[in-house]
Amino acid sequence: MFKYLALTLVVLLSACAGPNTEPVDLTGYWETNGDSEISMSATVTNGVLSIMWVDDSMRGLYWEGTVPATVMAGDIFVSEADVEALRVSIVGSLDETKEFTYADNRLSYDLSIMGVTQTLYLEKVEQ
């Protein structure tokens, strides 16, 4: 009897140790980490995701669009661009939508420049 109870307990504890299924609030400040040659920062506030190119000599808007209030680990969401805001940015994306993934506590998205596509990862920075 004891071994069946112990086996049941192990199975239940294993199920509880699975991936985090709690909703995540993306609100805050995000940055690319040192692994990327491209530096970008992002803010998420009031349902808007803004991503900026960050360089020693310039800072410019790359993306501004919608973002869900909460996501779950592994979620993929489509951000609808604020085309008016991007239209006036020299370094702004020309896309009307952009796909983002939230996984491993990072936001990721594809950036294409001159026919070369790279996946960038933003990590939330505590402020």
N, C-alpha and C. Protein backbone atom coordinates (compact mmCIF):
# COMPACT_ATOMS: atom_id res chain seq x y z
N MET A 1 0.82 -1.19 0.00
CA MET A 1 0.00 0.00 0.00
C MET A 1 0.86 1.26 0.00
N PHE A 2 1.92 1.24 0.84
CA PHE A 2 2.78 2.41 0.94
C PHE A 2 3.46 2.75 -0.39
N LYS A 3 3.91 1.72 -1.13
CA LYS A 3 4.60 2.01 -2.39
C LYS A 3 3.65 2.62 -3.41
N TYR A 4 2.35 2.27 -3.41
CA TYR A 4 1.39 2.89 -4.33
C TYR A 4 1.14 4.35 -3.95
N LEU A 5 1.09 4.62 -2.66
CA LEU A 5 0.92 5.99 -2.18
C LEU A 5 2.14 6.84 -2.56
N ALA A 6 3.34 6.27 -2.38
CA ALA A 6 4.57 6.98 -2.72
C ALA A 6 4.64 7.24 -4.22
N LEU A 7 4.26 6.26 -5.03
CA LEU A 7 4.27 6.42 -6.49
C LEU A 7 3.28 7.51 -6.91
N THR A 8 2.10 7.53 -6.31
CA THR A 8 1.11 8.56 -6.62
C THR A 8 1.64 9.93 -6.26
N LEU A 9 2.30 10.06 -5.13
CA LEU A 9 2.86 11.32 -4.70
C LEU A 9 3.94 11.80 -5.66
N VAL A 10 4.80 10.92 -6.13
CA VAL A 10 5.84 11.27 -7.09
C VAL A 10 5.23 11.76 -8.39
N VAL A 11 4.20 11.09 -8.88
CA VAL A 11 3.54 11.50 -10.12
C VAL A 11 2.91 12.87 -9.96
N LEU A 12 2.23 13.11 -8.85
CA LEU A 12 1.59 14.41 -8.62
C LEU A 12 2.62 15.53 -8.51
N LEU A 13 3.70 15.29 -7.81
CA LEU A 13 4.74 16.32 -7.69
C LEU A 13 5.42 16.59 -9.03
N SER A 14 5.60 15.58 -9.84
CA SER A 14 6.19 15.77 -11.17
C SER A 14 5.30 16.63 -12.04
N ALA A 15 4.00 16.43 -11.95
CA ALA A 15 3.06 17.22 -12.74
C ALA A 15 3.09 18.67 -12.31
N CYS A 16 3.28 18.93 -11.03
CA CYS A 16 3.32 20.30 -10.53
C CYS A 16 4.62 21.00 -10.92
N ALA A 17 5.67 20.25 -11.22
CA ALA A 17 6.96 20.85 -11.55
C ALA A 17 7.08 21.17 -13.03
N GLY A 18 5.99 21.08 -13.78
CA GLY A 18 6.01 21.36 -15.21
C GLY A 18 6.24 22.82 -15.51
N PRO A 19 6.12 23.23 -16.79
CA PRO A 19 6.36 24.60 -17.16
C PRO A 19 5.37 25.56 -16.51
N ASN A 20 5.82 26.78 -16.32
CA ASN A 20 4.99 27.80 -15.70
C ASN A 20 3.82 28.15 -16.62
N THR A 21 2.62 27.98 -16.11
CA THR A 21 1.44 28.30 -16.91
C THR A 21 0.72 29.52 -16.36
N GLU A 22 1.42 30.28 -15.53
CA GLU A 22 0.85 31.51 -15.00
C GLU A 22 0.91 32.59 -16.06
N PRO A 23 -0.12 33.43 -16.15
CA PRO A 23 -0.05 34.56 -17.09
C PRO A 23 1.07 35.52 -16.68
N VAL A 24 1.71 36.11 -17.69
CA VAL A 24 2.82 37.03 -17.46
C VAL A 24 2.44 38.41 -17.97
N ASP A 25 2.66 39.42 -17.16
CA ASP A 25 2.44 40.80 -17.56
C ASP A 25 3.73 41.30 -18.20
N LEU A 26 3.67 41.71 -19.45
CA LEU A 26 4.86 42.15 -20.18
C LEU A 26 5.24 43.60 -19.89
N THR A 27 4.44 44.32 -19.13
CA THR A 27 4.70 45.73 -18.84
C THR A 27 6.09 45.90 -18.25
N GLY A 28 6.83 46.88 -18.78
CA GLY A 28 8.15 47.16 -18.24
C GLY A 28 9.15 47.52 -19.34
N TYR A 29 10.41 47.47 -18.96
CA TYR A 29 11.53 47.85 -19.82
C TYR A 29 12.31 46.59 -20.19
N TRP A 30 12.66 46.45 -21.47
CA TRP A 30 13.33 45.28 -22.01
C TRP A 30 14.56 45.71 -22.80
N GLU A 31 15.58 44.86 -22.85
CA GLU A 31 16.80 45.14 -23.63
C GLU A 31 17.32 43.86 -24.27
N THR A 32 18.03 44.02 -25.40
CA THR A 32 18.78 42.89 -25.94
C THR A 32 19.93 42.63 -24.98
N ASN A 33 20.36 41.38 -24.91
CA ASN A 33 21.47 41.08 -24.02
C ASN A 33 22.79 41.23 -24.77
N GLY A 34 23.89 41.03 -24.09
CA GLY A 34 25.21 41.21 -24.68
C GLY A 34 25.57 40.21 -25.76
N ASP A 35 24.74 39.18 -25.96
CA ASP A 35 25.03 38.17 -26.99
C ASP A 35 24.74 38.68 -28.40
N SER A 36 24.00 39.75 -28.51
CA SER A 36 23.60 40.27 -29.81
C SER A 36 24.49 41.44 -30.22
N GLU A 37 24.81 41.49 -31.51
CA GLU A 37 25.57 42.63 -32.03
C GLU A 37 24.68 43.84 -32.23
N ILE A 38 23.38 43.62 -32.23
CA ILE A 38 22.40 44.69 -32.42
C ILE A 38 21.82 45.05 -31.06
N SER A 39 21.86 46.34 -30.73
CA SER A 39 21.32 46.79 -29.44
C SER A 39 19.96 47.43 -29.65
N MET A 40 18.98 46.90 -28.93
CA MET A 40 17.63 47.45 -28.96
C MET A 40 17.09 47.46 -27.54
N SER A 41 16.19 48.39 -27.29
CA SER A 41 15.49 48.42 -26.02
C SER A 41 14.00 48.54 -26.32
N ALA A 42 13.18 48.13 -25.37
CA ALA A 42 11.74 48.17 -25.59
C ALA A 42 11.04 48.55 -24.30
N THR A 43 9.88 49.16 -24.47
CA THR A 43 9.00 49.41 -23.34
C THR A 43 7.62 48.86 -23.70
N VAL A 44 6.97 48.33 -22.69
CA VAL A 44 5.60 47.87 -22.84
C VAL A 44 4.79 48.61 -21.79
N THR A 45 3.87 49.45 -22.26
CA THR A 45 2.98 50.19 -21.37
C THR A 45 1.63 50.37 -22.04
N ASN A 46 0.58 50.22 -21.26
CA ASN A 46 -0.79 50.47 -21.73
C ASN A 46 -1.10 49.78 -23.05
N GLY A 47 -0.69 48.55 -23.22
CA GLY A 47 -1.01 47.79 -24.43
C GLY A 47 -0.22 48.18 -25.66
N VAL A 48 0.89 48.92 -25.47
CA VAL A 48 1.73 49.34 -26.59
C VAL A 48 3.16 48.84 -26.37
N LEU A 49 3.70 48.23 -27.42
CA LEU A 49 5.09 47.77 -27.43
C LEU A 49 5.88 48.70 -28.33
N SER A 50 6.88 49.37 -27.76
CA SER A 50 7.76 50.27 -28.53
C SER A 50 9.17 49.73 -28.45
N ILE A 51 9.79 49.53 -29.62
CA ILE A 51 11.16 49.03 -29.69
C ILE A 51 12.03 50.09 -30.35
N MET A 52 13.15 50.39 -29.71
CA MET A 52 14.07 51.41 -30.20
C MET A 52 15.41 50.79 -30.57
N TRP A 53 15.99 51.27 -31.70
CA TRP A 53 17.39 50.98 -32.01
C TRP A 53 18.19 51.78 -30.99
N VAL A 54 19.24 51.20 -30.44
CA VAL A 54 20.08 51.90 -29.47
C VAL A 54 21.52 51.76 -29.94
N ASP A 55 22.16 52.89 -30.16
CA ASP A 55 23.54 52.91 -30.63
C ASP A 55 24.22 54.07 -29.93
N ASP A 56 25.54 54.07 -29.91
CA ASP A 56 26.27 55.17 -29.29
C ASP A 56 25.91 56.50 -29.93
N SER A 57 25.66 56.49 -31.23
CA SER A 57 25.44 57.75 -31.94
C SER A 57 23.98 58.04 -32.27
N MET A 58 23.07 57.08 -32.03
CA MET A 58 21.67 57.35 -32.37
C MET A 58 20.73 56.49 -31.55
N ARG A 59 19.50 56.92 -31.54
CA ARG A 59 18.40 56.18 -30.93
C ARG A 59 17.19 56.46 -31.81
N GLY A 60 16.56 55.41 -32.33
CA GLY A 60 15.43 55.62 -33.22
C GLY A 60 14.38 54.54 -33.08
N LEU A 61 13.15 54.90 -33.39
CA LEU A 61 12.02 53.98 -33.28
C LEU A 61 12.08 52.92 -34.37
N TYR A 62 12.09 51.66 -33.96
CA TYR A 62 12.05 50.54 -34.90
C TYR A 62 10.63 49.98 -35.01
N TRP A 63 9.94 49.81 -33.89
CA TRP A 63 8.61 49.21 -33.89
C TRP A 63 7.73 49.87 -32.84
N GLU A 64 6.49 50.09 -33.20
CA GLU A 64 5.48 50.48 -32.23
C GLU A 64 4.20 49.80 -32.63
N GLY A 65 3.64 49.03 -31.69
CA GLY A 65 2.43 48.29 -32.02
C GLY A 65 1.76 47.74 -30.78
N THR A 66 0.69 47.01 -31.02
CA THR A 66 -0.11 46.45 -29.94
C THR A 66 0.60 45.28 -29.25
N VAL A 67 0.20 45.04 -28.02
CA VAL A 67 0.71 43.90 -27.26
C VAL A 67 -0.40 43.47 -26.30
N PRO A 68 -0.60 42.16 -26.14
CA PRO A 68 -1.64 41.71 -25.21
C PRO A 68 -1.28 42.08 -23.76
N ALA A 69 -2.29 42.23 -22.93
CA ALA A 69 -2.07 42.58 -21.52
C ALA A 69 -1.27 41.50 -20.80
N THR A 70 -1.56 40.24 -21.10
CA THR A 70 -0.81 39.14 -20.50
C THR A 70 -0.60 38.06 -21.55
N VAL A 71 0.44 37.29 -21.35
CA VAL A 71 0.72 36.13 -22.20
C VAL A 71 1.11 34.97 -21.29
N MET A 72 1.20 33.80 -21.89
CA MET A 72 1.66 32.61 -21.18
C MET A 72 3.00 32.21 -21.78
N ALA A 73 3.80 31.49 -21.01
CA ALA A 73 5.07 30.99 -21.52
C ALA A 73 4.83 30.20 -22.80
N GLY A 74 5.61 30.48 -23.82
CA GLY A 74 5.48 29.80 -25.10
C GLY A 74 4.51 30.45 -26.06
N ASP A 75 3.82 31.50 -25.61
CA ASP A 75 2.84 32.18 -26.47
C ASP A 75 3.50 32.91 -27.63
N ILE A 76 2.83 32.86 -28.77
CA ILE A 76 3.19 33.65 -29.94
C ILE A 76 2.04 34.62 -30.15
N PHE A 77 2.37 35.90 -30.33
CA PHE A 77 1.32 36.88 -30.58
C PHE A 77 1.72 37.79 -31.73
N VAL A 78 0.72 38.34 -32.39
CA VAL A 78 0.95 39.24 -33.51
C VAL A 78 0.67 40.66 -33.05
N SER A 79 1.63 41.53 -33.24
CA SER A 79 1.49 42.94 -32.90
C SER A 79 1.08 43.70 -34.16
N GLU A 80 0.04 44.51 -34.02
CA GLU A 80 -0.42 45.37 -35.12
C GLU A 80 0.33 46.69 -35.04
N ALA A 81 0.98 47.08 -36.12
CA ALA A 81 1.83 48.28 -36.13
C ALA A 81 1.02 49.56 -36.02
N ASP A 82 1.62 50.55 -35.38
CA ASP A 82 1.13 51.93 -35.44
C ASP A 82 1.83 52.53 -36.66
N VAL A 83 1.21 52.38 -37.82
CA VAL A 83 1.87 52.76 -39.07
C VAL A 83 2.18 54.24 -39.14
N GLU A 84 1.38 55.07 -38.49
CA GLU A 84 1.66 56.52 -38.48
C GLU A 84 2.95 56.82 -37.74
N ALA A 85 3.15 56.18 -36.59
CA ALA A 85 4.38 56.40 -35.82
C ALA A 85 5.60 55.88 -36.57
N LEU A 86 5.46 54.74 -37.23
CA LEU A 86 6.59 54.15 -37.95
C LEU A 86 6.91 54.88 -39.24
N ARG A 87 5.91 55.48 -39.84
CA ARG A 87 6.10 56.19 -41.11
C ARG A 87 7.10 57.34 -40.98
N VAL A 88 7.15 57.99 -39.83
CA VAL A 88 8.04 59.14 -39.65
C VAL A 88 9.42 58.75 -39.11
N SER A 89 9.63 57.47 -38.86
CA SER A 89 10.91 57.02 -38.34
C SER A 89 11.80 56.52 -39.48
N ILE A 90 12.99 57.06 -39.57
CA ILE A 90 13.93 56.65 -40.62
C ILE A 90 14.33 55.19 -40.47
N VAL A 91 14.40 54.69 -39.23
CA VAL A 91 14.82 53.31 -38.99
C VAL A 91 13.64 52.42 -38.60
N GLY A 92 12.42 52.89 -38.86
CA GLY A 92 11.22 52.14 -38.50
C GLY A 92 10.95 50.98 -39.45
N SER A 93 10.33 49.94 -38.92
CA SER A 93 9.93 48.79 -39.71
C SER A 93 8.83 49.20 -40.68
N LEU A 94 8.81 48.56 -41.83
CA LEU A 94 7.76 48.81 -42.81
C LEU A 94 6.63 47.79 -42.71
N ASP A 95 6.78 46.82 -41.80
CA ASP A 95 5.78 45.77 -41.63
C ASP A 95 4.51 46.33 -40.97
N GLU A 96 3.37 45.79 -41.37
CA GLU A 96 2.11 46.17 -40.74
C GLU A 96 1.81 45.31 -39.52
N THR A 97 2.41 44.13 -39.47
CA THR A 97 2.30 43.25 -38.31
C THR A 97 3.66 42.61 -38.06
N LYS A 98 3.88 42.22 -36.82
CA LYS A 98 5.13 41.55 -36.46
C LYS A 98 4.78 40.48 -35.43
N GLU A 99 5.37 39.30 -35.61
CA GLU A 99 5.13 38.17 -34.72
C GLU A 99 6.19 38.15 -33.62
N PHE A 100 5.73 38.01 -32.38
CA PHE A 100 6.61 37.94 -31.22
C PHE A 100 6.33 36.63 -30.48
N THR A 101 7.36 36.12 -29.81
CA THR A 101 7.22 34.93 -28.98
C THR A 101 7.70 35.27 -27.58
N TYR A 102 6.94 34.82 -26.59
CA TYR A 102 7.39 34.95 -25.20
C TYR A 102 7.73 33.55 -24.70
N ALA A 103 9.01 33.32 -24.41
CA ALA A 103 9.47 32.03 -23.88
C ALA A 103 10.77 32.25 -23.11
N ASP A 104 10.98 31.45 -22.10
CA ASP A 104 12.20 31.53 -21.28
C ASP A 104 12.44 32.94 -20.75
N ASN A 105 11.36 33.63 -20.37
CA ASN A 105 11.42 35.00 -19.83
C ASN A 105 11.99 36.00 -20.82
N ARG A 106 11.86 35.71 -22.13
CA ARG A 106 12.36 36.62 -23.16
C ARG A 106 11.29 36.82 -24.23
N LEU A 107 11.32 38.00 -24.83
CA LEU A 107 10.53 38.28 -26.03
C LEU A 107 11.46 38.12 -27.21
N SER A 108 11.03 37.41 -28.23
CA SER A 108 11.86 37.27 -29.42
C SER A 108 11.06 37.66 -30.66
N TYR A 109 11.79 38.12 -31.67
CA TYR A 109 11.19 38.53 -32.94
C TYR A 109 12.27 38.51 -34.00
N ASP A 110 11.86 38.44 -35.25
CA ASP A 110 12.80 38.44 -36.37
C ASP A 110 13.00 39.86 -36.87
N LEU A 111 14.24 40.19 -37.14
CA LEU A 111 14.64 41.47 -37.70
C LEU A 111 15.33 41.19 -39.02
N SER A 112 14.86 41.79 -40.11
CA SER A 112 15.46 41.60 -41.43
C SER A 112 16.08 42.90 -41.91
N ILE A 113 17.34 42.80 -42.32
CA ILE A 113 18.05 43.95 -42.87
C ILE A 113 18.77 43.48 -44.13
N MET A 114 18.46 44.13 -45.24
CA MET A 114 19.10 43.85 -46.52
C MET A 114 19.10 42.36 -46.85
N GLY A 115 17.97 41.70 -46.66
CA GLY A 115 17.82 40.30 -47.01
C GLY A 115 18.36 39.30 -46.00
N VAL A 116 18.90 39.78 -44.90
CA VAL A 116 19.41 38.90 -43.85
C VAL A 116 18.48 39.00 -42.65
N THR A 117 18.03 37.85 -42.15
CA THR A 117 17.11 37.83 -41.01
C THR A 117 17.82 37.27 -39.80
N GLN A 118 17.62 37.94 -38.68
CA GLN A 118 18.21 37.51 -37.41
C GLN A 118 17.11 37.54 -36.35
N THR A 119 17.11 36.56 -35.47
CA THR A 119 16.18 36.56 -34.34
C THR A 119 16.81 37.32 -33.19
N LEU A 120 16.10 38.30 -32.68
CA LEU A 120 16.57 39.08 -31.53
C LEU A 120 15.79 38.66 -30.29
N TYR A 121 16.46 38.77 -29.15
CA TYR A 121 15.85 38.40 -27.87
C TYR A 121 15.94 39.59 -26.92
N LEU A 122 14.80 39.96 -26.37
CA LEU A 122 14.75 41.02 -25.38
C LEU A 122 14.49 40.40 -24.01
N GLU A 123 15.24 40.87 -23.03
CA GLU A 123 15.07 40.39 -21.66
C GLU A 123 14.59 41.54 -20.80
N LYS A 124 13.67 41.25 -19.89
CA LYS A 124 13.11 42.28 -19.03
C LYS A 124 14.17 42.74 -18.03
N VAL A 125 14.28 44.06 -17.87
CA VAL A 125 15.25 44.65 -16.97
C VAL A 125 14.49 45.21 -15.77
N GLU A 126 14.92 44.82 -14.60
CA GLU A 126 14.28 45.33 -13.39
C GLU A 126 14.75 46.76 -13.15
N GLN A 127 13.80 47.64 -12.90
CA GLN A 127 14.16 49.05 -12.65
C GLN A 127 13.69 49.48 -11.30
